[in-house]
Amino acid sequence: YLTKPFHPEELAARVEVLLRRAGKD
């Protein structure tokens, strides 16, 4: 869960973490 406003770098970092955690990356 990410609150607005947010920095694109933080969003991208969270996306990468979730993909790794899901074992899809």
PDBML (XML) file of the C-alpha atoms, coordinates in Angstrom:
<?xml version="1.0" encoding="UTF-8" ?>
<PDBx:datablock datablockName="MODEL"
   xmlns:PDBx="http://pdbml.pdb.org/schema/pdbx-v50.xsd"
   xmlns:xsi="http://www.w3.org/2001/XMLSchema-instance"
   xsi:schemaLocation="http://pdbml.pdb.org/schema/pdbx-v50.xsd pdbx-v50.xsd">
   <PDBx:atom_siteCategory>
      <PDBx:atom_site id="1">
         <PDBx:B_iso_or_equiv>0.00</PDBx:B_iso_or_equiv>
         <PDBx:Cartn_x>0.000</PDBx:Cartn_x>
         <PDBx:Cartn_y>0.000</PDBx:Cartn_y>
         <PDBx:Cartn_z>0.000</PDBx:Cartn_z>
         <PDBx:auth_asym_id>A</PDBx:auth_asym_id>
         <PDBx:auth_atom_id>CA</PDBx:auth_atom_id>
         <PDBx:auth_comp_id>TYR</PDBx:auth_comp_id>
         <PDBx:auth_seq_id>1</PDBx:auth_seq_id>
         <PDBx:group_PDB>ATOM</PDBx:group_PDB>
         <PDBx:label_alt_id xsi:nil="true" />
         <PDBx:label_asym_id>A</PDBx:label_asym_id>
         <PDBx:label_atom_id>CA</PDBx:label_atom_id>
         <PDBx:label_comp_id>TYR</PDBx:label_comp_id>
         <PDBx:label_entity_id>1</PDBx:label_entity_id>
         <PDBx:label_seq_id>1</PDBx:label_seq_id>
         <PDBx:occupancy>1.00</PDBx:occupancy>
         <PDBx:pdbx_PDB_model_num>1</PDBx:pdbx_PDB_model_num>
         <PDBx:type_symbol>C</PDBx:type_symbol>
      </PDBx:atom_site>
      <PDBx:atom_site id="2">
         <PDBx:B_iso_or_equiv>0.00</PDBx:B_iso_or_equiv>
         <PDBx:Cartn_x>1.630</PDBx:Cartn_x>
         <PDBx:Cartn_y>3.252</PDBx:Cartn_y>
         <PDBx:Cartn_z>-1.152</PDBx:Cartn_z>
         <PDBx:auth_asym_id>A</PDBx:auth_asym_id>
         <PDBx:auth_atom_id>CA</PDBx:auth_atom_id>
         <PDBx:auth_comp_id>LEU</PDBx:auth_comp_id>
         <PDBx:auth_seq_id>2</PDBx:auth_seq_id>
         <PDBx:group_PDB>ATOM</PDBx:group_PDB>
         <PDBx:label_alt_id xsi:nil="true" />
         <PDBx:label_asym_id>A</PDBx:label_asym_id>
         <PDBx:label_atom_id>CA</PDBx:label_atom_id>
         <PDBx:label_comp_id>LEU</PDBx:label_comp_id>
         <PDBx:label_entity_id>1</PDBx:label_entity_id>
         <PDBx:label_seq_id>2</PDBx:label_seq_id>
         <PDBx:occupancy>1.00</PDBx:occupancy>
         <PDBx:pdbx_PDB_model_num>1</PDBx:pdbx_PDB_model_num>
         <PDBx:type_symbol>C</PDBx:type_symbol>
      </PDBx:atom_site>
      <PDBx:atom_site id="3">
         <PDBx:B_iso_or_equiv>0.00</PDBx:B_iso_or_equiv>
         <PDBx:Cartn_x>0.205</PDBx:Cartn_x>
         <PDBx:Cartn_y>6.647</PDBx:Cartn_y>
         <PDBx:Cartn_z>-0.218</PDBx:Cartn_z>
         <PDBx:auth_asym_id>A</PDBx:auth_asym_id>
         <PDBx:auth_atom_id>CA</PDBx:auth_atom_id>
         <PDBx:auth_comp_id>THR</PDBx:auth_comp_id>
         <PDBx:auth_seq_id>3</PDBx:auth_seq_id>
         <PDBx:group_PDB>ATOM</PDBx:group_PDB>
         <PDBx:label_alt_id xsi:nil="true" />
         <PDBx:label_asym_id>A</PDBx:label_asym_id>
         <PDBx:label_atom_id>CA</PDBx:label_atom_id>
         <PDBx:label_comp_id>THR</PDBx:label_comp_id>
         <PDBx:label_entity_id>1</PDBx:label_entity_id>
         <PDBx:label_seq_id>3</PDBx:label_seq_id>
         <PDBx:occupancy>1.00</PDBx:occupancy>
         <PDBx:pdbx_PDB_model_num>1</PDBx:pdbx_PDB_model_num>
         <PDBx:type_symbol>C</PDBx:type_symbol>
      </PDBx:atom_site>
      <PDBx:atom_site id="4">
         <PDBx:B_iso_or_equiv>0.00</PDBx:B_iso_or_equiv>
         <PDBx:Cartn_x>0.081</PDBx:Cartn_x>
         <PDBx:Cartn_y>9.634</PDBx:Cartn_y>
         <PDBx:Cartn_z>-2.552</PDBx:Cartn_z>
         <PDBx:auth_asym_id>A</PDBx:auth_asym_id>
         <PDBx:auth_atom_id>CA</PDBx:auth_atom_id>
         <PDBx:auth_comp_id>LYS</PDBx:auth_comp_id>
         <PDBx:auth_seq_id>4</PDBx:auth_seq_id>
         <PDBx:group_PDB>ATOM</PDBx:group_PDB>
         <PDBx:label_alt_id xsi:nil="true" />
         <PDBx:label_asym_id>A</PDBx:label_asym_id>
         <PDBx:label_atom_id>CA</PDBx:label_atom_id>
         <PDBx:label_comp_id>LYS</PDBx:label_comp_id>
         <PDBx:label_entity_id>1</PDBx:label_entity_id>
         <PDBx:label_seq_id>4</PDBx:label_seq_id>
         <PDBx:occupancy>1.00</PDBx:occupancy>
         <PDBx:pdbx_PDB_model_num>1</PDBx:pdbx_PDB_model_num>
         <PDBx:type_symbol>C</PDBx:type_symbol>
      </PDBx:atom_site>
      <PDBx:atom_site id="5">
         <PDBx:B_iso_or_equiv>0.00</PDBx:B_iso_or_equiv>
         <PDBx:Cartn_x>2.004</PDBx:Cartn_x>
         <PDBx:Cartn_y>11.725</PDBx:Cartn_y>
         <PDBx:Cartn_z>-3.335</PDBx:Cartn_z>
         <PDBx:auth_asym_id>A</PDBx:auth_asym_id>
         <PDBx:auth_atom_id>CA</PDBx:auth_atom_id>
         <PDBx:auth_comp_id>PRO</PDBx:auth_comp_id>
         <PDBx:auth_seq_id>5</PDBx:auth_seq_id>
         <PDBx:group_PDB>ATOM</PDBx:group_PDB>
         <PDBx:label_alt_id xsi:nil="true" />
         <PDBx:label_asym_id>A</PDBx:label_asym_id>
         <PDBx:label_atom_id>CA</PDBx:label_atom_id>
         <PDBx:label_comp_id>PRO</PDBx:label_comp_id>
         <PDBx:label_entity_id>1</PDBx:label_entity_id>
         <PDBx:label_seq_id>5</PDBx:label_seq_id>
         <PDBx:occupancy>1.00</PDBx:occupancy>
         <PDBx:pdbx_PDB_model_num>1</PDBx:pdbx_PDB_model_num>
         <PDBx:type_symbol>C</PDBx:type_symbol>
      </PDBx:atom_site>
      <PDBx:atom_site id="6">
         <PDBx:B_iso_or_equiv>0.00</PDBx:B_iso_or_equiv>
         <PDBx:Cartn_x>4.847</PDBx:Cartn_x>
         <PDBx:Cartn_y>9.327</PDBx:Cartn_y>
         <PDBx:Cartn_z>-4.049</PDBx:Cartn_z>
         <PDBx:auth_asym_id>A</PDBx:auth_asym_id>
         <PDBx:auth_atom_id>CA</PDBx:auth_atom_id>
         <PDBx:auth_comp_id>PHE</PDBx:auth_comp_id>
         <PDBx:auth_seq_id>6</PDBx:auth_seq_id>
         <PDBx:group_PDB>ATOM</PDBx:group_PDB>
         <PDBx:label_alt_id xsi:nil="true" />
         <PDBx:label_asym_id>A</PDBx:label_asym_id>
         <PDBx:label_atom_id>CA</PDBx:label_atom_id>
         <PDBx:label_comp_id>PHE</PDBx:label_comp_id>
         <PDBx:label_entity_id>1</PDBx:label_entity_id>
         <PDBx:label_seq_id>6</PDBx:label_seq_id>
         <PDBx:occupancy>1.00</PDBx:occupancy>
         <PDBx:pdbx_PDB_model_num>1</PDBx:pdbx_PDB_model_num>
         <PDBx:type_symbol>C</PDBx:type_symbol>
      </PDBx:atom_site>
      <PDBx:atom_site id="7">
         <PDBx:B_iso_or_equiv>0.00</PDBx:B_iso_or_equiv>
         <PDBx:Cartn_x>8.137</PDBx:Cartn_x>
         <PDBx:Cartn_y>9.429</PDBx:Cartn_y>
         <PDBx:Cartn_z>-5.959</PDBx:Cartn_z>
         <PDBx:auth_asym_id>A</PDBx:auth_asym_id>
         <PDBx:auth_atom_id>CA</PDBx:auth_atom_id>
         <PDBx:auth_comp_id>HIS</PDBx:auth_comp_id>
         <PDBx:auth_seq_id>7</PDBx:auth_seq_id>
         <PDBx:group_PDB>ATOM</PDBx:group_PDB>
         <PDBx:label_alt_id xsi:nil="true" />
         <PDBx:label_asym_id>A</PDBx:label_asym_id>
         <PDBx:label_atom_id>CA</PDBx:label_atom_id>
         <PDBx:label_comp_id>HIS</PDBx:label_comp_id>
         <PDBx:label_entity_id>1</PDBx:label_entity_id>
         <PDBx:label_seq_id>7</PDBx:label_seq_id>
         <PDBx:occupancy>1.00</PDBx:occupancy>
         <PDBx:pdbx_PDB_model_num>1</PDBx:pdbx_PDB_model_num>
         <PDBx:type_symbol>C</PDBx:type_symbol>
      </PDBx:atom_site>
      <PDBx:atom_site id="8">
         <PDBx:B_iso_or_equiv>0.00</PDBx:B_iso_or_equiv>
         <PDBx:Cartn_x>8.327</PDBx:Cartn_x>
         <PDBx:Cartn_y>7.249</PDBx:Cartn_y>
         <PDBx:Cartn_z>-9.102</PDBx:Cartn_z>
         <PDBx:auth_asym_id>A</PDBx:auth_asym_id>
         <PDBx:auth_atom_id>CA</PDBx:auth_atom_id>
         <PDBx:auth_comp_id>PRO</PDBx:auth_comp_id>
         <PDBx:auth_seq_id>8</PDBx:auth_seq_id>
         <PDBx:group_PDB>ATOM</PDBx:group_PDB>
         <PDBx:label_alt_id xsi:nil="true" />
         <PDBx:label_asym_id>A</PDBx:label_asym_id>
         <PDBx:label_atom_id>CA</PDBx:label_atom_id>
         <PDBx:label_comp_id>PRO</PDBx:label_comp_id>
         <PDBx:label_entity_id>1</PDBx:label_entity_id>
         <PDBx:label_seq_id>8</PDBx:label_seq_id>
         <PDBx:occupancy>1.00</PDBx:occupancy>
         <PDBx:pdbx_PDB_model_num>1</PDBx:pdbx_PDB_model_num>
         <PDBx:type_symbol>C</PDBx:type_symbol>
      </PDBx:atom_site>
      <PDBx:atom_site id="9">
         <PDBx:B_iso_or_equiv>0.00</PDBx:B_iso_or_equiv>
         <PDBx:Cartn_x>11.539</PDBx:Cartn_x>
         <PDBx:Cartn_y>5.676</PDBx:Cartn_y>
         <PDBx:Cartn_z>-7.777</PDBx:Cartn_z>
         <PDBx:auth_asym_id>A</PDBx:auth_asym_id>
         <PDBx:auth_atom_id>CA</PDBx:auth_atom_id>
         <PDBx:auth_comp_id>GLU</PDBx:auth_comp_id>
         <PDBx:auth_seq_id>9</PDBx:auth_seq_id>
         <PDBx:group_PDB>ATOM</PDBx:group_PDB>
         <PDBx:label_alt_id xsi:nil="true" />
         <PDBx:label_asym_id>A</PDBx:label_asym_id>
         <PDBx:label_atom_id>CA</PDBx:label_atom_id>
         <PDBx:label_comp_id>GLU</PDBx:label_comp_id>
         <PDBx:label_entity_id>1</PDBx:label_entity_id>
         <PDBx:label_seq_id>9</PDBx:label_seq_id>
         <PDBx:occupancy>1.00</PDBx:occupancy>
         <PDBx:pdbx_PDB_model_num>1</PDBx:pdbx_PDB_model_num>
         <PDBx:type_symbol>C</PDBx:type_symbol>
      </PDBx:atom_site>
      <PDBx:atom_site id="10">
         <PDBx:B_iso_or_equiv>0.00</PDBx:B_iso_or_equiv>
         <PDBx:Cartn_x>9.714</PDBx:Cartn_x>
         <PDBx:Cartn_y>4.411</PDBx:Cartn_y>
         <PDBx:Cartn_z>-4.692</PDBx:Cartn_z>
         <PDBx:auth_asym_id>A</PDBx:auth_asym_id>
         <PDBx:auth_atom_id>CA</PDBx:auth_atom_id>
         <PDBx:auth_comp_id>GLU</PDBx:auth_comp_id>
         <PDBx:auth_seq_id>10</PDBx:auth_seq_id>
         <PDBx:group_PDB>ATOM</PDBx:group_PDB>
         <PDBx:label_alt_id xsi:nil="true" />
         <PDBx:label_asym_id>A</PDBx:label_asym_id>
         <PDBx:label_atom_id>CA</PDBx:label_atom_id>
         <PDBx:label_comp_id>GLU</PDBx:label_comp_id>
         <PDBx:label_entity_id>1</PDBx:label_entity_id>
         <PDBx:label_seq_id>10</PDBx:label_seq_id>
         <PDBx:occupancy>1.00</PDBx:occupancy>
         <PDBx:pdbx_PDB_model_num>1</PDBx:pdbx_PDB_model_num>
         <PDBx:type_symbol>C</PDBx:type_symbol>
      </PDBx:atom_site>
      <PDBx:atom_site id="11">
         <PDBx:B_iso_or_equiv>0.00</PDBx:B_iso_or_equiv>
         <PDBx:Cartn_x>6.881</PDBx:Cartn_x>
         <PDBx:Cartn_y>2.976</PDBx:Cartn_y>
         <PDBx:Cartn_z>-6.754</PDBx:Cartn_z>
         <PDBx:auth_asym_id>A</PDBx:auth_asym_id>
         <PDBx:auth_atom_id>CA</PDBx:auth_atom_id>
         <PDBx:auth_comp_id>LEU</PDBx:auth_comp_id>
         <PDBx:auth_seq_id>11</PDBx:auth_seq_id>
         <PDBx:group_PDB>ATOM</PDBx:group_PDB>
         <PDBx:label_alt_id xsi:nil="true" />
         <PDBx:label_asym_id>A</PDBx:label_asym_id>
         <PDBx:label_atom_id>CA</PDBx:label_atom_id>
         <PDBx:label_comp_id>LEU</PDBx:label_comp_id>
         <PDBx:label_entity_id>1</PDBx:label_entity_id>
         <PDBx:label_seq_id>11</PDBx:label_seq_id>
         <PDBx:occupancy>1.00</PDBx:occupancy>
         <PDBx:pdbx_PDB_model_num>1</PDBx:pdbx_PDB_model_num>
         <PDBx:type_symbol>C</PDBx:type_symbol>
      </PDBx:atom_site>
      <PDBx:atom_site id="12">
         <PDBx:B_iso_or_equiv>0.00</PDBx:B_iso_or_equiv>
         <PDBx:Cartn_x>9.348</PDBx:Cartn_x>
         <PDBx:Cartn_y>1.244</PDBx:Cartn_y>
         <PDBx:Cartn_z>-9.082</PDBx:Cartn_z>
         <PDBx:auth_asym_id>A</PDBx:auth_asym_id>
         <PDBx:auth_atom_id>CA</PDBx:auth_atom_id>
         <PDBx:auth_comp_id>ALA</PDBx:auth_comp_id>
         <PDBx:auth_seq_id>12</PDBx:auth_seq_id>
         <PDBx:group_PDB>ATOM</PDBx:group_PDB>
         <PDBx:label_alt_id xsi:nil="true" />
         <PDBx:label_asym_id>A</PDBx:label_asym_id>
         <PDBx:label_atom_id>CA</PDBx:label_atom_id>
         <PDBx:label_comp_id>ALA</PDBx:label_comp_id>
         <PDBx:label_entity_id>1</PDBx:label_entity_id>
         <PDBx:label_seq_id>12</PDBx:label_seq_id>
         <PDBx:occupancy>1.00</PDBx:occupancy>
         <PDBx:pdbx_PDB_model_num>1</PDBx:pdbx_PDB_model_num>
         <PDBx:type_symbol>C</PDBx:type_symbol>
      </PDBx:atom_site>
      <PDBx:atom_site id="13">
         <PDBx:B_iso_or_equiv>0.00</PDBx:B_iso_or_equiv>
         <PDBx:Cartn_x>11.285</PDBx:Cartn_x>
         <PDBx:Cartn_y>-0.175</PDBx:Cartn_y>
         <PDBx:Cartn_z>-6.123</PDBx:Cartn_z>
         <PDBx:auth_asym_id>A</PDBx:auth_asym_id>
         <PDBx:auth_atom_id>CA</PDBx:auth_atom_id>
         <PDBx:auth_comp_id>ALA</PDBx:auth_comp_id>
         <PDBx:auth_seq_id>13</PDBx:auth_seq_id>
         <PDBx:group_PDB>ATOM</PDBx:group_PDB>
         <PDBx:label_alt_id xsi:nil="true" />
         <PDBx:label_asym_id>A</PDBx:label_asym_id>
         <PDBx:label_atom_id>CA</PDBx:label_atom_id>
         <PDBx:label_comp_id>ALA</PDBx:label_comp_id>
         <PDBx:label_entity_id>1</PDBx:label_entity_id>
         <PDBx:label_seq_id>13</PDBx:label_seq_id>
         <PDBx:occupancy>1.00</PDBx:occupancy>
         <PDBx:pdbx_PDB_model_num>1</PDBx:pdbx_PDB_model_num>
         <PDBx:type_symbol>C</PDBx:type_symbol>
      </PDBx:atom_site>
      <PDBx:atom_site id="14">
         <PDBx:B_iso_or_equiv>0.00</PDBx:B_iso_or_equiv>
         <PDBx:Cartn_x>8.120</PDBx:Cartn_x>
         <PDBx:Cartn_y>-1.593</PDBx:Cartn_y>
         <PDBx:Cartn_z>-4.575</PDBx:Cartn_z>
         <PDBx:auth_asym_id>A</PDBx:auth_asym_id>
         <PDBx:auth_atom_id>CA</PDBx:auth_atom_id>
         <PDBx:auth_comp_id>ARG</PDBx:auth_comp_id>
         <PDBx:auth_seq_id>14</PDBx:auth_seq_id>
         <PDBx:group_PDB>ATOM</PDBx:group_PDB>
         <PDBx:label_alt_id xsi:nil="true" />
         <PDBx:label_asym_id>A</PDBx:label_asym_id>
         <PDBx:label_atom_id>CA</PDBx:label_atom_id>
         <PDBx:label_comp_id>ARG</PDBx:label_comp_id>
         <PDBx:label_entity_id>1</PDBx:label_entity_id>
         <PDBx:label_seq_id>14</PDBx:label_seq_id>
         <PDBx:occupancy>1.00</PDBx:occupancy>
         <PDBx:pdbx_PDB_model_num>1</PDBx:pdbx_PDB_model_num>
         <PDBx:type_symbol>C</PDBx:type_symbol>
      </PDBx:atom_site>
      <PDBx:atom_site id="15">
         <PDBx:B_iso_or_equiv>0.00</PDBx:B_iso_or_equiv>
         <PDBx:Cartn_x>7.075</PDBx:Cartn_x>
         <PDBx:Cartn_y>-3.124</PDBx:Cartn_y>
         <PDBx:Cartn_z>-7.902</PDBx:Cartn_z>
         <PDBx:auth_asym_id>A</PDBx:auth_asym_id>
         <PDBx:auth_atom_id>CA</PDBx:auth_atom_id>
         <PDBx:auth_comp_id>VAL</PDBx:auth_comp_id>
         <PDBx:auth_seq_id>15</PDBx:auth_seq_id>
         <PDBx:group_PDB>ATOM</PDBx:group_PDB>
         <PDBx:label_alt_id xsi:nil="true" />
         <PDBx:label_asym_id>A</PDBx:label_asym_id>
         <PDBx:label_atom_id>CA</PDBx:label_atom_id>
         <PDBx:label_comp_id>VAL</PDBx:label_comp_id>
         <PDBx:label_entity_id>1</PDBx:label_entity_id>
         <PDBx:label_seq_id>15</PDBx:label_seq_id>
         <PDBx:occupancy>1.00</PDBx:occupancy>
         <PDBx:pdbx_PDB_model_num>1</PDBx:pdbx_PDB_model_num>
         <PDBx:type_symbol>C</PDBx:type_symbol>
      </PDBx:atom_site>
      <PDBx:atom_site id="16">
         <PDBx:B_iso_or_equiv>0.00</PDBx:B_iso_or_equiv>
         <PDBx:Cartn_x>10.456</PDBx:Cartn_x>
         <PDBx:Cartn_y>-4.859</PDBx:Cartn_y>
         <PDBx:Cartn_z>-8.200</PDBx:Cartn_z>
         <PDBx:auth_asym_id>A</PDBx:auth_asym_id>
         <PDBx:auth_atom_id>CA</PDBx:auth_atom_id>
         <PDBx:auth_comp_id>GLU</PDBx:auth_comp_id>
         <PDBx:auth_seq_id>16</PDBx:auth_seq_id>
         <PDBx:group_PDB>ATOM</PDBx:group_PDB>
         <PDBx:label_alt_id xsi:nil="true" />
         <PDBx:label_asym_id>A</PDBx:label_asym_id>
         <PDBx:label_atom_id>CA</PDBx:label_atom_id>
         <PDBx:label_comp_id>GLU</PDBx:label_comp_id>
         <PDBx:label_entity_id>1</PDBx:label_entity_id>
         <PDBx:label_seq_id>16</PDBx:label_seq_id>
         <PDBx:occupancy>1.00</PDBx:occupancy>
         <PDBx:pdbx_PDB_model_num>1</PDBx:pdbx_PDB_model_num>
         <PDBx:type_symbol>C</PDBx:type_symbol>
      </PDBx:atom_site>
      <PDBx:atom_site id="17">
         <PDBx:B_iso_or_equiv>0.00</PDBx:B_iso_or_equiv>
         <PDBx:Cartn_x>10.243</PDBx:Cartn_x>
         <PDBx:Cartn_y>-6.183</PDBx:Cartn_y>
         <PDBx:Cartn_z>-4.634</PDBx:Cartn_z>
         <PDBx:auth_asym_id>A</PDBx:auth_asym_id>
         <PDBx:auth_atom_id>CA</PDBx:auth_atom_id>
         <PDBx:auth_comp_id>VAL</PDBx:auth_comp_id>
         <PDBx:auth_seq_id>17</PDBx:auth_seq_id>
         <PDBx:group_PDB>ATOM</PDBx:group_PDB>
         <PDBx:label_alt_id xsi:nil="true" />
         <PDBx:label_asym_id>A</PDBx:label_asym_id>
         <PDBx:label_atom_id>CA</PDBx:label_atom_id>
         <PDBx:label_comp_id>VAL</PDBx:label_comp_id>
         <PDBx:label_entity_id>1</PDBx:label_entity_id>
         <PDBx:label_seq_id>17</PDBx:label_seq_id>
         <PDBx:occupancy>1.00</PDBx:occupancy>
         <PDBx:pdbx_PDB_model_num>1</PDBx:pdbx_PDB_model_num>
         <PDBx:type_symbol>C</PDBx:type_symbol>
      </PDBx:atom_site>
      <PDBx:atom_site id="18">
         <PDBx:B_iso_or_equiv>0.00</PDBx:B_iso_or_equiv>
         <PDBx:Cartn_x>6.750</PDBx:Cartn_x>
         <PDBx:Cartn_y>-7.579</PDBx:Cartn_y>
         <PDBx:Cartn_z>-5.172</PDBx:Cartn_z>
         <PDBx:auth_asym_id>A</PDBx:auth_asym_id>
         <PDBx:auth_atom_id>CA</PDBx:auth_atom_id>
         <PDBx:auth_comp_id>LEU</PDBx:auth_comp_id>
         <PDBx:auth_seq_id>18</PDBx:auth_seq_id>
         <PDBx:group_PDB>ATOM</PDBx:group_PDB>
         <PDBx:label_alt_id xsi:nil="true" />
         <PDBx:label_asym_id>A</PDBx:label_asym_id>
         <PDBx:label_atom_id>CA</PDBx:label_atom_id>
         <PDBx:label_comp_id>LEU</PDBx:label_comp_id>
         <PDBx:label_entity_id>1</PDBx:label_entity_id>
         <PDBx:label_seq_id>18</PDBx:label_seq_id>
         <PDBx:occupancy>1.00</PDBx:occupancy>
         <PDBx:pdbx_PDB_model_num>1</PDBx:pdbx_PDB_model_num>
         <PDBx:type_symbol>C</PDBx:type_symbol>
      </PDBx:atom_site>
      <PDBx:atom_site id="19">
         <PDBx:B_iso_or_equiv>0.00</PDBx:B_iso_or_equiv>
         <PDBx:Cartn_x>7.754</PDBx:Cartn_x>
         <PDBx:Cartn_y>-9.262</PDBx:Cartn_y>
         <PDBx:Cartn_z>-8.414</PDBx:Cartn_z>
         <PDBx:auth_asym_id>A</PDBx:auth_asym_id>
         <PDBx:auth_atom_id>CA</PDBx:auth_atom_id>
         <PDBx:auth_comp_id>LEU</PDBx:auth_comp_id>
         <PDBx:auth_seq_id>19</PDBx:auth_seq_id>
         <PDBx:group_PDB>ATOM</PDBx:group_PDB>
         <PDBx:label_alt_id xsi:nil="true" />
         <PDBx:label_asym_id>A</PDBx:label_asym_id>
         <PDBx:label_atom_id>CA</PDBx:label_atom_id>
         <PDBx:label_comp_id>LEU</PDBx:label_comp_id>
         <PDBx:label_entity_id>1</PDBx:label_entity_id>
         <PDBx:label_seq_id>19</PDBx:label_seq_id>
         <PDBx:occupancy>1.00</PDBx:occupancy>
         <PDBx:pdbx_PDB_model_num>1</PDBx:pdbx_PDB_model_num>
         <PDBx:type_symbol>C</PDBx:type_symbol>
      </PDBx:atom_site>
      <PDBx:atom_site id="20">
         <PDBx:B_iso_or_equiv>0.00</PDBx:B_iso_or_equiv>
         <PDBx:Cartn_x>10.761</PDBx:Cartn_x>
         <PDBx:Cartn_y>-10.895</PDBx:Cartn_y>
         <PDBx:Cartn_z>-6.764</PDBx:Cartn_z>
         <PDBx:auth_asym_id>A</PDBx:auth_asym_id>
         <PDBx:auth_atom_id>CA</PDBx:auth_atom_id>
         <PDBx:auth_comp_id>ARG</PDBx:auth_comp_id>
         <PDBx:auth_seq_id>20</PDBx:auth_seq_id>
         <PDBx:group_PDB>ATOM</PDBx:group_PDB>
         <PDBx:label_alt_id xsi:nil="true" />
         <PDBx:label_asym_id>A</PDBx:label_asym_id>
         <PDBx:label_atom_id>CA</PDBx:label_atom_id>
         <PDBx:label_comp_id>ARG</PDBx:label_comp_id>
         <PDBx:label_entity_id>1</PDBx:label_entity_id>
         <PDBx:label_seq_id>20</PDBx:label_seq_id>
         <PDBx:occupancy>1.00</PDBx:occupancy>
         <PDBx:pdbx_PDB_model_num>1</PDBx:pdbx_PDB_model_num>
         <PDBx:type_symbol>C</PDBx:type_symbol>
      </PDBx:atom_site>
      <PDBx:atom_site id="21">
         <PDBx:B_iso_or_equiv>0.00</PDBx:B_iso_or_equiv>
         <PDBx:Cartn_x>8.685</PDBx:Cartn_x>
         <PDBx:Cartn_y>-11.975</PDBx:Cartn_y>
         <PDBx:Cartn_z>-3.781</PDBx:Cartn_z>
         <PDBx:auth_asym_id>A</PDBx:auth_asym_id>
         <PDBx:auth_atom_id>CA</PDBx:auth_atom_id>
         <PDBx:auth_comp_id>ARG</PDBx:auth_comp_id>
         <PDBx:auth_seq_id>21</PDBx:auth_seq_id>
         <PDBx:group_PDB>ATOM</PDBx:group_PDB>
         <PDBx:label_alt_id xsi:nil="true" />
         <PDBx:label_asym_id>A</PDBx:label_asym_id>
         <PDBx:label_atom_id>CA</PDBx:label_atom_id>
         <PDBx:label_comp_id>ARG</PDBx:label_comp_id>
         <PDBx:label_entity_id>1</PDBx:label_entity_id>
         <PDBx:label_seq_id>21</PDBx:label_seq_id>
         <PDBx:occupancy>1.00</PDBx:occupancy>
         <PDBx:pdbx_PDB_model_num>1</PDBx:pdbx_PDB_model_num>
         <PDBx:type_symbol>C</PDBx:type_symbol>
      </PDBx:atom_site>
      <PDBx:atom_site id="22">
         <PDBx:B_iso_or_equiv>0.00</PDBx:B_iso_or_equiv>
         <PDBx:Cartn_x>6.123</PDBx:Cartn_x>
         <PDBx:Cartn_y>-13.549</PDBx:Cartn_y>
         <PDBx:Cartn_z>-6.092</PDBx:Cartn_z>
         <PDBx:auth_asym_id>A</PDBx:auth_asym_id>
         <PDBx:auth_atom_id>CA</PDBx:auth_atom_id>
         <PDBx:auth_comp_id>ALA</PDBx:auth_comp_id>
         <PDBx:auth_seq_id>22</PDBx:auth_seq_id>
         <PDBx:group_PDB>ATOM</PDBx:group_PDB>
         <PDBx:label_alt_id xsi:nil="true" />
         <PDBx:label_asym_id>A</PDBx:label_asym_id>
         <PDBx:label_atom_id>CA</PDBx:label_atom_id>
         <PDBx:label_comp_id>ALA</PDBx:label_comp_id>
         <PDBx:label_entity_id>1</PDBx:label_entity_id>
         <PDBx:label_seq_id>22</PDBx:label_seq_id>
         <PDBx:occupancy>1.00</PDBx:occupancy>
         <PDBx:pdbx_PDB_model_num>1</PDBx:pdbx_PDB_model_num>
         <PDBx:type_symbol>C</PDBx:type_symbol>
      </PDBx:atom_site>
      <PDBx:atom_site id="23">
         <PDBx:B_iso_or_equiv>0.00</PDBx:B_iso_or_equiv>
         <PDBx:Cartn_x>8.860</PDBx:Cartn_x>
         <PDBx:Cartn_y>-15.607</PDBx:Cartn_y>
         <PDBx:Cartn_z>-7.703</PDBx:Cartn_z>
         <PDBx:auth_asym_id>A</PDBx:auth_asym_id>
         <PDBx:auth_atom_id>CA</PDBx:auth_atom_id>
         <PDBx:auth_comp_id>GLY</PDBx:auth_comp_id>
         <PDBx:auth_seq_id>23</PDBx:auth_seq_id>
         <PDBx:group_PDB>ATOM</PDBx:group_PDB>
         <PDBx:label_alt_id xsi:nil="true" />
         <PDBx:label_asym_id>A</PDBx:label_asym_id>
         <PDBx:label_atom_id>CA</PDBx:label_atom_id>
         <PDBx:label_comp_id>GLY</PDBx:label_comp_id>
         <PDBx:label_entity_id>1</PDBx:label_entity_id>
         <PDBx:label_seq_id>23</PDBx:label_seq_id>
         <PDBx:occupancy>1.00</PDBx:occupancy>
         <PDBx:pdbx_PDB_model_num>1</PDBx:pdbx_PDB_model_num>
         <PDBx:type_symbol>C</PDBx:type_symbol>
      </PDBx:atom_site>
      <PDBx:atom_site id="24">
         <PDBx:B_iso_or_equiv>0.00</PDBx:B_iso_or_equiv>
         <PDBx:Cartn_x>8.010</PDBx:Cartn_x>
         <PDBx:Cartn_y>-14.265</PDBx:Cartn_y>
         <PDBx:Cartn_z>-11.134</PDBx:Cartn_z>
         <PDBx:auth_asym_id>A</PDBx:auth_asym_id>
         <PDBx:auth_atom_id>CA</PDBx:auth_atom_id>
         <PDBx:auth_comp_id>LYS</PDBx:auth_comp_id>
         <PDBx:auth_seq_id>24</PDBx:auth_seq_id>
         <PDBx:group_PDB>ATOM</PDBx:group_PDB>
         <PDBx:label_alt_id xsi:nil="true" />
         <PDBx:label_asym_id>A</PDBx:label_asym_id>
         <PDBx:label_atom_id>CA</PDBx:label_atom_id>
         <PDBx:label_comp_id>LYS</PDBx:label_comp_id>
         <PDBx:label_entity_id>1</PDBx:label_entity_id>
         <PDBx:label_seq_id>24</PDBx:label_seq_id>
         <PDBx:occupancy>1.00</PDBx:occupancy>
         <PDBx:pdbx_PDB_model_num>1</PDBx:pdbx_PDB_model_num>
         <PDBx:type_symbol>C</PDBx:type_symbol>
      </PDBx:atom_site>
      <PDBx:atom_site id="25">
         <PDBx:B_iso_or_equiv>0.00</PDBx:B_iso_or_equiv>
         <PDBx:Cartn_x>11.077</PDBx:Cartn_x>
         <PDBx:Cartn_y>-12.114</PDBx:Cartn_y>
         <PDBx:Cartn_z>-11.584</PDBx:Cartn_z>
         <PDBx:auth_asym_id>A</PDBx:auth_asym_id>
         <PDBx:auth_atom_id>CA</PDBx:auth_atom_id>
         <PDBx:auth_comp_id>ASP</PDBx:auth_comp_id>
         <PDBx:auth_seq_id>25</PDBx:auth_seq_id>
         <PDBx:group_PDB>ATOM</PDBx:group_PDB>
         <PDBx:label_alt_id xsi:nil="true" />
         <PDBx:label_asym_id>A</PDBx:label_asym_id>
         <PDBx:label_atom_id>CA</PDBx:label_atom_id>
         <PDBx:label_comp_id>ASP</PDBx:label_comp_id>
         <PDBx:label_entity_id>1</PDBx:label_entity_id>
         <PDBx:label_seq_id>25</PDBx:label_seq_id>
         <PDBx:occupancy>1.00</PDBx:occupancy>
         <PDBx:pdbx_PDB_model_num>1</PDBx:pdbx_PDB_model_num>
         <PDBx:type_symbol>C</PDBx:type_symbol>
      </PDBx:atom_site>
   </PDBx:atom_siteCategory>
</PDBx:datablock>
